């Protein structure tokens, strides 16, 4: 069974026992989560497409931990003015494992 779930404004295609990385959820490792915004649910019997969500469906997940993304260099420059600015940024993420997909 697969599902398309919306987490923190982004959509992810998930199946049971998948591990995905989502934007920071500010939860401790081991915390159990339930997501109610299921946009699509598919199994051997058929596919249910939400309008906008599938009623009664839920995805259960467990927080594995938090991590940080790759560094992104931010460079600003104004030509002929001697202005240069270099900064870096690393985005925080939460890693979760899908434990159950229920109708």
PDB file of N, CA and C in Angstrom:
ATOM      1  N   UNK A   1       0.845  -1.168   0.000  1.00  0.00           N
ATOM      2  CA  UNK A   1       0.000   0.000   0.000  1.00  0.00           C
ATOM      3  C   UNK A   1       0.892   1.234   0.000  1.00  0.00           C
ATOM      4  N   UNK A   2       0.553   2.192  -0.834  1.00  0.00           N
ATOM      5  CA  UNK A   2       1.286   3.458  -0.875  1.00  0.00           C
ATOM      6  C   UNK A   2       0.317   4.600  -0.620  1.00  0.00           C
ATOM      7  N   UNK A   3       0.871   5.720  -0.222  1.00  0.00           N
ATOM      8  CA  UNK A   3       0.061   6.904   0.038  1.00  0.00           C
ATOM      9  C   UNK A   3       0.865   8.136  -0.344  1.00  0.00           C
ATOM     10  N   UNK A   4       0.146   9.184  -0.686  1.00  0.00           N
ATOM     11  CA  UNK A   4       0.759  10.495  -0.873  1.00  0.00           C
ATOM     12  C   UNK A   4       0.275  11.336   0.296  1.00  0.00           C
ATOM     13  N   UNK A   5       1.206  11.738   1.148  1.00  0.00           N
ATOM     14  CA  UNK A   5       0.871  12.441   2.379  1.00  0.00           C
ATOM     15  C   UNK A   5       1.474  13.841   2.341  1.00  0.00           C
ATOM     16  N   UNK A   6       0.752  14.796   2.920  1.00  0.00           N
ATOM     17  CA  UNK A   6       1.242  16.172   2.997  1.00  0.00           C
ATOM     18  C   UNK A   6       1.790  16.401   4.400  1.00  0.00           C
ATOM     19  N   UNK A   7       3.079  16.757   4.460  1.00  0.00           N
ATOM     20  CA  UNK A   7       3.756  17.021   5.727  1.00  0.00           C
ATOM     21  C   UNK A   7       4.418  18.382   5.621  1.00  0.00           C
ATOM     22  N   UNK A   8       4.048  19.290   6.496  1.00  0.00           N
ATOM     23  CA  UNK A   8       4.639  20.638   6.543  1.00  0.00           C
ATOM     24  C   UNK A   8       4.552  21.336   5.190  1.00  0.00           C
ATOM     25  N   UNK A   9       3.436  21.163   4.485  1.00  0.00           N
ATOM     26  CA  UNK A   9       3.215  21.850   3.222  1.00  0.00           C
ATOM     27  C   UNK A   9       3.847  21.199   2.012  1.00  0.00           C
ATOM     28  N   UNK A  10       4.488  20.053   2.187  1.00  0.00           N
ATOM     29  CA  UNK A  10       5.108  19.346   1.066  1.00  0.00           C
ATOM     30  C   UNK A  10       4.506  17.955   0.947  1.00  0.00           C
ATOM     31  N   UNK A  11       4.508  17.417  -0.267  1.00  0.00           N
ATOM     32  CA  UNK A  11       3.903  16.116  -0.525  1.00  0.00           C
ATOM     33  C   UNK A  11       4.986  15.051  -0.692  1.00  0.00           C
ATOM     34  N   UNK A  12       4.729  13.881  -0.068  1.00  0.00           N
ATOM     35  CA  UNK A  12       5.676  12.777  -0.130  1.00  0.00           C
ATOM     36  C   UNK A  12       4.938  11.493  -0.473  1.00  0.00           C
ATOM     37  N   UNK A  13       5.528  10.683  -1.344  1.00  0.00           N
ATOM     38  CA  UNK A  13       4.995   9.358  -1.661  1.00  0.00           C
ATOM     39  C   UNK A  13       5.644   8.393  -0.692  1.00  0.00           C
ATOM     40  N   UNK A  14       4.827   7.686   0.103  1.00  0.00           N
ATOM     41  CA  UNK A  14       5.365   6.827   1.146  1.00  0.00           C
ATOM     42  C   UNK A  14       4.741   5.441   1.083  1.00  0.00           C
ATOM     43  N   UNK A  15       5.464   4.474   1.602  1.00  0.00           N
ATOM     44  CA  UNK A  15       4.983   3.112   1.802  1.00  0.00           C
ATOM     45  C   UNK A  15       5.410   2.709   3.210  1.00  0.00           C
ATOM     46  N   UNK A  16       4.881   1.599   3.686  1.00  0.00           N
ATOM     47  CA  UNK A  16       5.225   1.152   5.024  1.00  0.00           C
ATOM     48  C   UNK A  16       6.714   0.840   5.109  1.00  0.00           C
ATOM     49  N   UNK A  17       7.322   1.203   6.236  1.00  0.00           N
ATOM     50  CA  UNK A  17       8.753   1.030   6.539  1.00  0.00           C
ATOM     51  C   UNK A  17       9.665   1.953   5.737  1.00  0.00           C
ATOM     52  N   UNK A  18       9.127   2.931   5.033  1.00  0.00           N
ATOM     53  CA  UNK A  18       9.956   3.932   4.365  1.00  0.00           C
ATOM     54  C   UNK A  18      10.502   4.926   5.384  1.00  0.00           C
ATOM     55  N   UNK A  19      11.694   5.430   5.132  1.00  0.00           N
ATOM     56  CA  UNK A  19      12.276   6.487   5.940  1.00  0.00           C
ATOM     57  C   UNK A  19      12.406   7.716   5.049  1.00  0.00           C
ATOM     58  N   UNK A  20      11.797   8.824   5.476  1.00  0.00           N
ATOM     59  CA  UNK A  20      11.835  10.047   4.682  1.00  0.00           C
ATOM     60  C   UNK A  20      12.375  11.191   5.534  1.00  0.00           C
ATOM     61  N   UNK A  21      12.851  12.221   4.856  1.00  0.00           N
ATOM     62  CA  UNK A  21      13.369  13.415   5.508  1.00  0.00           C
ATOM     63  C   UNK A  21      12.420  14.559   5.194  1.00  0.00           C
ATOM     64  N   UNK A  22      11.872  15.175   6.254  1.00  0.00           N
ATOM     65  CA  UNK A  22      10.895  16.252   6.107  1.00  0.00           C
ATOM     66  C   UNK A  22      11.423  17.501   6.812  1.00  0.00           C
ATOM     67  N   UNK A  23      10.853  18.672   6.519  1.00  0.00           N
ATOM     68  CA  UNK A  23      11.270  19.872   7.250  1.00  0.00           C
ATOM     69  C   UNK A  23      11.057  19.695   8.754  1.00  0.00           C
ATOM     70  N   UNK A  24      11.773  20.452   9.551  1.00  0.00           N
ATOM     71  CA  UNK A  24      11.791  20.290  11.000  1.00  0.00           C
ATOM     72  C   UNK A  24      10.397  20.250  11.608  1.00  0.00           C
ATOM     73  N   UNK A  25      10.153  19.224  12.444  1.00  0.00           N
ATOM     74  CA  UNK A  25       8.875  19.066  13.131  1.00  0.00           C
ATOM     75  C   UNK A  25       8.975  19.344  14.620  1.00  0.00           C
ATOM     76  N   UNK A  26      10.168  19.596  15.151  1.00  0.00           N
ATOM     77  CA  UNK A  26      10.398  19.909  16.569  1.00  0.00           C
ATOM     78  C   UNK A  26       9.841  18.831  17.491  1.00  0.00           C
ATOM     79  N   UNK A  27      10.085  17.573  17.154  1.00  0.00           N
ATOM     80  CA  UNK A  27       9.678  16.439  17.987  1.00  0.00           C
ATOM     81  C   UNK A  27      10.922  15.672  18.410  1.00  0.00           C
ATOM     82  N   UNK A  28      10.845  15.000  19.553  1.00  0.00           N
ATOM     83  CA  UNK A  28      11.974  14.220  20.051  1.00  0.00           C
ATOM     84  C   UNK A  28      12.010  12.852  19.378  1.00  0.00           C
ATOM     85  N   UNK A  29      13.196  12.247  19.255  1.00  0.00           N
ATOM     86  CA  UNK A  29      13.288  10.904  18.675  1.00  0.00           C
ATOM     87  C   UNK A  29      12.448   9.901  19.461  1.00  0.00           C
ATOM     88  N   UNK A  30      11.756   9.025  18.724  1.00  0.00           N
ATOM     89  CA  UNK A  30      10.883   8.039  19.346  1.00  0.00           C
ATOM     90  C   UNK A  30       9.440   8.468  19.437  1.00  0.00           C
ATOM     91  N   UNK A  31       9.151   9.738  19.166  1.00  0.00           N
ATOM     92  CA  UNK A  31       7.786  10.239  19.221  1.00  0.00           C
ATOM     93  C   UNK A  31       6.974   9.654  18.071  1.00  0.00           C
ATOM     94  N   UNK A  32       5.747   9.248  18.377  1.00  0.00           N
ATOM     95  CA  UNK A  32       4.860   8.704  17.351  1.00  0.00           C
ATOM     96  C   UNK A  32       3.977   9.832  16.820  1.00  0.00           C
ATOM     97  N   UNK A  33       3.856   9.904  15.492  1.00  0.00           N
ATOM     98  CA  UNK A  33       3.085  10.949  14.834  1.00  0.00           C
ATOM     99  C   UNK A  33       1.979  10.325  13.994  1.00  0.00           C
ATOM    100  N   UNK A  34       0.899  11.083  13.785  1.00  0.00           N
ATOM    101  CA  UNK A  34      -0.156  10.685  12.857  1.00  0.00           C
ATOM    102  C   UNK A  34      -0.403  11.834  11.895  1.00  0.00           C
ATOM    103  N   UNK A  35      -0.441  11.511  10.610  1.00  0.00           N
ATOM    104  CA  UNK A  35      -0.723  12.508   9.586  1.00  0.00           C
ATOM    105  C   UNK A  35      -2.102  12.239   9.022  1.00  0.00           C
ATOM    106  N   UNK A  36      -2.946  13.253   8.997  1.00  0.00           N
ATOM    107  CA  UNK A  36      -4.328  13.117   8.551  1.00  0.00           C
ATOM    108  C   UNK A  36      -4.516  13.574   7.104  1.00  0.00           C
ATOM    109  N   UNK A  37      -3.613  14.388   6.593  1.00  0.00           N
ATOM    110  CA  UNK A  37      -3.764  14.905   5.228  1.00  0.00           C
ATOM    111  C   UNK A  37      -3.198  13.918   4.218  1.00  0.00           C
ATOM    112  N   UNK A  38      -4.007  12.924   3.867  1.00  0.00           N
ATOM    113  CA  UNK A  38      -3.639  11.900   2.895  1.00  0.00           C
ATOM    114  C   UNK A  38      -4.306  12.275   1.580  1.00  0.00           C
ATOM    115  N   UNK A  39      -3.519  12.543   0.558  1.00  0.00           N
ATOM    116  CA  UNK A  39      -4.043  13.021  -0.712  1.00  0.00           C
ATOM    117  C   UNK A  39      -4.375  11.887  -1.673  1.00  0.00           C
ATOM    118  N   UNK A  40      -3.687  10.745  -1.522  1.00  0.00           N
ATOM    119  CA  UNK A  40      -3.918   9.597  -2.395  1.00  0.00           C
ATOM    120  C   UNK A  40      -3.575   8.333  -1.614  1.00  0.00           C
ATOM    121  N   UNK A  41      -4.396   7.295  -1.815  1.00  0.00           N
ATOM    122  CA  UNK A  41      -4.179   6.023  -1.150  1.00  0.00           C
ATOM    123  C   UNK A  41      -4.369   4.933  -2.181  1.00  0.00           C
ATOM    124  N   UNK A  42      -3.368   4.060  -2.332  1.00  0.00           N
ATOM    125  CA  UNK A  42      -3.429   3.035  -3.364  1.00  0.00           C
ATOM    126  C   UNK A  42      -2.981   1.694  -2.799  1.00  0.00           C
ATOM    127  N   UNK A  43      -3.728   0.625  -3.163  1.00  0.00           N
ATOM    128  CA  UNK A  43      -3.339  -0.734  -2.805  1.00  0.00           C
ATOM    129  C   UNK A  43      -3.774  -1.677  -3.923  1.00  0.00           C
ATOM    130  N   UNK A  44      -3.753  -2.979  -3.669  1.00  0.00           N
ATOM    131  CA  UNK A  44      -4.116  -3.957  -4.692  1.00  0.00           C
ATOM    132  C   UNK A  44      -5.569  -3.833  -5.131  1.00  0.00           C
ATOM    133  N   UNK A  45      -6.438  -3.376  -4.247  1.00  0.00           N
ATOM    134  CA  UNK A  45      -7.873  -3.301  -4.541  1.00  0.00           C
ATOM    135  C   UNK A  45      -8.255  -2.079  -5.368  1.00  0.00           C
ATOM    136  N   UNK A  46      -7.438  -1.043  -5.324  1.00  0.00           N
ATOM    137  CA  UNK A  46      -7.750   0.156  -6.099  1.00  0.00           C
ATOM    138  C   UNK A  46      -7.060   1.385  -5.547  1.00  0.00           C
ATOM    139  N   UNK A  47      -7.457   2.512  -6.102  1.00  0.00           N
ATOM    140  CA  UNK A  47      -6.863   3.782  -5.722  1.00  0.00           C
ATOM    141  C   UNK A  47      -7.948   4.735  -5.268  1.00  0.00           C
ATOM    142  N   UNK A  48      -7.704   5.421  -4.164  1.00  0.00           N
ATOM    143  CA  UNK A  48      -8.623   6.440  -3.655  1.00  0.00           C
ATOM    144  C   UNK A  48      -7.912   7.781  -3.735  1.00  0.00           C
ATOM    145  N   UNK A  49      -8.517   8.694  -4.479  1.00  0.00           N
ATOM    146  CA  UNK A  49      -7.962  10.029  -4.638  1.00  0.00           C
ATOM    147  C   UNK A  49      -8.809  10.987  -3.820  1.00  0.00           C
ATOM    148  N   UNK A  50      -8.167  11.784  -2.982  1.00  0.00           N
ATOM    149  CA  UNK A  50      -8.877  12.702  -2.111  1.00  0.00           C
ATOM    150  C   UNK A  50      -9.363  13.932  -2.837  1.00  0.00           C
ATOM    151  N   UNK A  51     -10.375  14.543  -2.218  1.00  0.00           N
ATOM    152  CA  UNK A  51     -10.932  15.769  -2.782  1.00  0.00           C
ATOM    153  C   UNK A  51     -11.162  16.764  -1.650  1.00  0.00           C
ATOM    154  N   UNK A  52     -10.212  17.383  -1.035  1.00  0.00           N
ATOM    155  CA  UNK A  52      -8.773  17.330  -1.281  1.00  0.00           C
ATOM    156  C   UNK A  52      -8.063  16.200  -0.525  1.00  0.00           C
ATOM    157  N   UNK A  53      -8.706  15.605   0.520  1.00  0.00           N
ATOM    158  CA  UNK A  53      -8.054  14.526   1.266  1.00  0.00           C
ATOM    159  C   UNK A  53      -8.940  13.297   1.263  1.00  0.00           C
ATOM    160  N   UNK A  54      -8.338  12.123   1.503  1.00  0.00           N
ATOM    161  CA  UNK A  54      -9.082  10.873   1.611  1.00  0.00           C
ATOM    162  C   UNK A  54      -9.643  10.799   3.025  1.00  0.00           C
ATOM    163  N   UNK A  55     -10.959  10.705   3.157  1.00  0.00           N
ATOM    164  CA  UNK A  55     -11.614  10.695   4.460  1.00  0.00           C
ATOM    165  C   UNK A  55     -11.311   9.405   5.212  1.00  0.00           C
ATOM    166  N   UNK A  56     -10.949   9.528   6.493  1.00  0.00           N
ATOM    167  CA  UNK A  56     -10.712   8.377   7.343  1.00  0.00           C
ATOM    168  C   UNK A  56      -9.343   7.739   7.199  1.00  0.00           C
ATOM    169  N   UNK A  57      -8.525   8.185   6.290  1.00  0.00           N
ATOM    170  CA  UNK A  57      -7.200   7.604   6.097  1.00  0.00           C
ATOM    171  C   UNK A  57      -6.197   8.315   7.006  1.00  0.00           C
ATOM    172  N   UNK A  58      -5.180   7.565   7.435  1.00  0.00           N
ATOM    173  CA  UNK A  58      -4.130   8.172   8.248  1.00  0.00           C
ATOM    174  C   UNK A  58      -2.828   7.414   8.032  1.00  0.00           C
ATOM    175  N   UNK A  59      -1.738   8.117   8.247  1.00  0.00           N
ATOM    176  CA  UNK A  59      -0.404   7.540   8.158  1.00  0.00           C
ATOM    177  C   UNK A  59       0.251   7.744   9.515  1.00  0.00           C
ATOM    178  N   UNK A  60       0.761   6.652  10.081  1.00  0.00           N
ATOM    179  CA  UNK A  60       1.435   6.719  11.367  1.00  0.00           C
ATOM    180  C   UNK A  60       2.933   6.634  11.133  1.00  0.00           C
ATOM    181  N   UNK A  61       3.692   7.419  11.899  1.00  0.00           N
ATOM    182  CA  UNK A  61       5.138   7.478  11.719  1.00  0.00           C
ATOM    183  C   UNK A  61       5.819   7.628  13.070  1.00  0.00           C
ATOM    184  N   UNK A  62       7.105   7.320  13.092  1.00  0.00           N
ATOM    185  CA  UNK A  62       7.929   7.481  14.283  1.00  0.00           C
ATOM    186  C   UNK A  62       9.119   8.357  13.927  1.00  0.00           C
ATOM    187  N   UNK A  63       9.434   9.301  14.809  1.00  0.00           N
ATOM    188  CA  UNK A  63      10.570  10.196  14.582  1.00  0.00           C
ATOM    189  C   UNK A  63      11.864   9.433  14.871  1.00  0.00           C
ATOM    190  N   UNK A  64      12.765   9.413  13.887  1.00  0.00           N
ATOM    191  CA  UNK A  64      14.061   8.758  14.044  1.00  0.00           C
ATOM    192  C   UNK A  64      15.058   9.725  14.659  1.00  0.00           C
ATOM    193  N   UNK A  65      15.084  10.945  14.180  1.00  0.00           N
ATOM    194  CA  UNK A  65      16.020  11.943  14.695  1.00  0.00           C
ATOM    195  C   UNK A  65      16.011  13.184  13.831  1.00  0.00           C
ATOM    196  N   UNK A  66      16.901  14.108  14.170  1.00  0.00           N
ATOM    197  CA  UNK A  66      17.011  15.335  13.388  1.00  0.00           C
ATOM    198  C   UNK A  66      18.381  15.368  12.730  1.00  0.00           C
ATOM    199  N   UNK A  67      18.462  16.085  11.623  1.00  0.00           N
ATOM    200  CA  UNK A  67      19.715  16.213  10.898  1.00  0.00           C
ATOM    201  C   UNK A  67      19.733  17.544  10.180  1.00  0.00           C
ATOM    202  N   UNK A  68      20.874  17.852   9.602  1.00  0.00           N
ATOM    203  CA  UNK A  68      21.021  19.114   8.882  1.00  0.00           C
ATOM    204  C   UNK A  68      21.404  18.826   7.445  1.00  0.00           C
ATOM    205  N   UNK A  69      20.896  19.656   6.547  1.00  0.00           N
ATOM    206  CA  UNK A  69      21.176  19.498   5.131  1.00  0.00           C
ATOM    207  C   UNK A  69      22.553  20.008   4.760  1.00  0.00           C
ATOM    208  N   UNK A  70      22.861  19.906   3.486  1.00  0.00           N
ATOM    209  CA  UNK A  70      24.139  20.397   2.983  1.00  0.00           C
ATOM    210  C   UNK A  70      24.205  21.916   3.080  1.00  0.00           C
ATOM    211  N   UNK A  71      25.419  22.426   3.163  1.00  0.00           N
ATOM    212  CA  UNK A  71      25.604  23.870   3.242  1.00  0.00           C
ATOM    213  C   UNK A  71      25.343  24.506   1.879  1.00  0.00           C
ATOM    214  N   UNK A  72      24.613  25.599   1.909  1.00  0.00           N
ATOM    215  CA  UNK A  72      24.327  26.380   0.714  1.00  0.00           C
ATOM    216  C   UNK A  72      25.057  27.709   0.871  1.00  0.00           C
ATOM    217  N   UNK A  73      25.880  28.055  -0.107  1.00  0.00           N
ATOM    218  CA  UNK A  73      26.623  29.308  -0.059  1.00  0.00           C
ATOM    219  C   UNK A  73      25.756  30.429  -0.620  1.00  0.00           C
ATOM    220  N   UNK A  74      25.678  31.538   0.121  1.00  0.00           N
ATOM    221  CA  UNK A  74      24.933  32.722  -0.305  1.00  0.00           C
ATOM    222  C   UNK A  74      25.966  33.818  -0.528  1.00  0.00           C
ATOM    223  N   UNK A  75      26.073  34.297  -1.759  1.00  0.00           N
ATOM    224  CA  UNK A  75      27.085  35.282  -2.104  1.00  0.00           C
ATOM    225  C   UNK A  75      26.422  36.489  -2.741  1.00  0.00           C
ATOM    226  N   UNK A  76      26.683  37.660  -2.182  1.00  0.00           N
ATOM    227  CA  UNK A  76      26.147  38.910  -2.726  1.00  0.00           C
ATOM    228  C   UNK A  76      27.307  39.787  -3.167  1.00  0.00           C
ATOM    229  N   UNK A  77      27.116  40.495  -4.269  1.00  0.00           N
ATOM    230  CA  UNK A  77      28.168  41.365  -4.773  1.00  0.00           C
ATOM    231  C   UNK A  77      27.542  42.515  -5.550  1.00  0.00           C
ATOM    232  N   UNK A  78      28.150  43.690  -5.407  1.00  0.00           N
ATOM    233  CA  UNK A  78      27.750  44.834  -6.222  1.00  0.00           C
ATOM    234  C   UNK A  78      28.975  45.240  -7.029  1.00  0.00           C
ATOM    235  N   UNK A  79      28.815  45.207  -8.333  1.00  0.00           N
ATOM    236  CA  UNK A  79      29.973  45.472  -9.182  1.00  0.00           C
ATOM    237  C   UNK A  79      30.453  46.911  -9.040  1.00  0.00           C
ATOM    238  N   UNK A  80      31.754  47.040  -9.108  1.00  0.00           N
ATOM    239  CA  UNK A  80      32.458  48.327  -9.053  1.00  0.00           C
ATOM    240  C   UNK A  80      32.271  49.085  -7.739  1.00  0.00           C
ATOM    241  N   UNK A  81      31.744  48.461  -6.709  1.00  0.00           N
ATOM    242  CA  UNK A  81      31.549  49.148  -5.425  1.00  0.00           C
ATOM    243  C   UNK A  81      32.382  48.536  -4.304  1.00  0.00           C
ATOM    244  N   UNK A  82      33.016  47.411  -4.563  1.00  0.00           N
ATOM    245  CA  UNK A  82      33.833  46.775  -3.541  1.00  0.00           C
ATOM    246  C   UNK A  82      33.009  46.043  -2.487  1.00  0.00           C
ATOM    247  N   UNK A  83      31.741  45.827  -2.755  1.00  0.00           N
ATOM    248  CA  UNK A  83      30.858  45.165  -1.794  1.00  0.00           C
ATOM    249  C   UNK A  83      30.761  43.682  -2.115  1.00  0.00           C
ATOM    250  N   UNK A  84      31.211  42.858  -1.175  1.00  0.00           N
ATOM    251  CA  UNK A  84      31.078  41.410  -1.314  1.00  0.00           C
ATOM    252  C   UNK A  84      30.667  40.847   0.044  1.00  0.00           C
ATOM    253  N   UNK A  85      29.751  39.891   0.029  1.00  0.00           N
ATOM    254  CA  UNK A  85      29.286  39.276   1.259  1.00  0.00           C
ATOM    255  C   UNK A  85      29.059  37.791   1.006  1.00  0.00           C
ATOM    256  N   UNK A  86      29.714  36.961   1.807  1.00  0.00           N
ATOM    257  CA  UNK A  86      29.550  35.522   1.655  1.00  0.00           C
ATOM    258  C   UNK A  86      29.027  34.954   2.966  1.00  0.00           C
ATOM    259  N   UNK A  87      27.922  34.274   2.884  1.00  0.00           N
ATOM    260  CA  UNK A  87      27.312  33.636   4.048  1.00  0.00           C
ATOM    261  C   UNK A  87      26.969  32.201   3.688  1.00  0.00           C
ATOM    262  N   UNK A  88      26.786  31.375   4.691  1.00  0.00           N
ATOM    263  CA  UNK A  88      26.374  29.998   4.477  1.00  0.00           C
ATOM    264  C   UNK A  88      25.083  29.711   5.217  1.00  0.00           C
ATOM    265  N   UNK A  89      24.400  28.672   4.794  1.00  0.00           N
ATOM    266  CA  UNK A  89      23.138  28.291   5.429  1.00  0.00           C
ATOM    267  C   UNK A  89      22.999  26.776   5.391  1.00  0.00           C
ATOM    268  N   UNK A  90      22.553  26.182   6.501  1.00  0.00           N
ATOM    269  CA  UNK A  90      22.259  24.752   6.564  1.00  0.00           C
ATOM    270  C   UNK A  90      20.845  24.593   7.118  1.00  0.00           C
ATOM    271  N   UNK A  91      19.995  23.929   6.368  1.00  0.00           N
ATOM    272  CA  UNK A  91      18.599  23.736   6.757  1.00  0.00           C
ATOM    273  C   UNK A  91      18.478  22.558   7.720  1.00  0.00           C
ATOM    274  N   UNK A  92      17.605  22.682   8.722  1.00  0.00           N
ATOM    275  CA  UNK A  92      17.331  21.599   9.660  1.00  0.00           C
ATOM    276  C   UNK A  92      16.213  20.716   9.126  1.00  0.00           C
ATOM    277  N   UNK A  93      16.349  19.399   9.311  1.00  0.00           N
ATOM    278  CA  UNK A  93      15.352  18.435   8.860  1.00  0.00           C
ATOM    279  C   UNK A  93      15.062  17.429   9.962  1.00  0.00           C
ATOM    280  N   UNK A  94      13.937  16.734   9.845  1.00  0.00           N
ATOM    281  CA  UNK A  94      13.574  15.646  10.745  1.00  0.00           C
ATOM    282  C   UNK A  94      13.433  14.383   9.914  1.00  0.00           C
ATOM    283  N   UNK A  95      14.031  13.293  10.392  1.00  0.00           N
ATOM    284  CA  UNK A  95      13.943  12.002   9.699  1.00  0.00           C
ATOM    285  C   UNK A  95      12.864  11.175  10.388  1.00  0.00           C
ATOM    286  N   UNK A  96      11.897  10.678   9.597  1.00  0.00           N
ATOM    287  CA  UNK A  96      10.814   9.878  10.154  1.00  0.00           C
ATOM    288  C   UNK A  96      10.697   8.551   9.402  1.00  0.00           C
ATOM    289  N   UNK A  97      10.190   7.529  10.093  1.00  0.00           N
ATOM    290  CA  UNK A  97       9.941   6.226   9.498  1.00  0.00           C
ATOM    291  C   UNK A  97       8.447   5.959   9.526  1.00  0.00           C
ATOM    292  N   UNK A  98       7.887   5.569   8.391  1.00  0.00           N
ATOM    293  CA  UNK A  98       6.467   5.279   8.284  1.00  0.00           C
ATOM    294  C   UNK A  98       6.224   3.887   8.882  1.00  0.00           C
ATOM    295  N   UNK A  99       5.348   3.812   9.889  1.00  0.00           N
ATOM    296  CA  UNK A  99       5.085   2.541  10.556  1.00  0.00           C
ATOM    297  C   UNK A  99       3.800   1.883  10.080  1.00  0.00           C
ATOM    298  N   UNK A 100       2.804   2.682   9.700  1.00  0.00           N
ATOM    299  CA  UNK A 100       1.523   2.097   9.313  1.00  0.00           C
ATOM    300  C   UNK A 100       0.762   3.049   8.393  1.00  0.00           C
ATOM    301  N   UNK A 101       0.044   2.474   7.434  1.00  0.00           N
ATOM    302  CA  UNK A 101      -0.866   3.238   6.576  1.00  0.00           C
ATOM    303  C   UNK A 101      -2.232   2.592   6.741  1.00  0.00           C
ATOM    304  N   UNK A 102      -3.208   3.357   7.235  1.00  0.00           N
ATOM    305  CA  UNK A 102      -4.527   2.801   7.531  1.00  0.00           C
ATOM    306  C   UNK A 102      -5.608   3.542   6.763  1.00  0.00           C
ATOM    307  N   UNK A 103      -6.665   2.799   6.384  1.00  0.00           N
ATOM    308  CA  UNK A 103      -7.796   3.422   5.687  1.00  0.00           C
ATOM    309  C   UNK A 103      -8.767   3.984   6.662  1.00  0.00           C
TER     310      UNK A 103
END
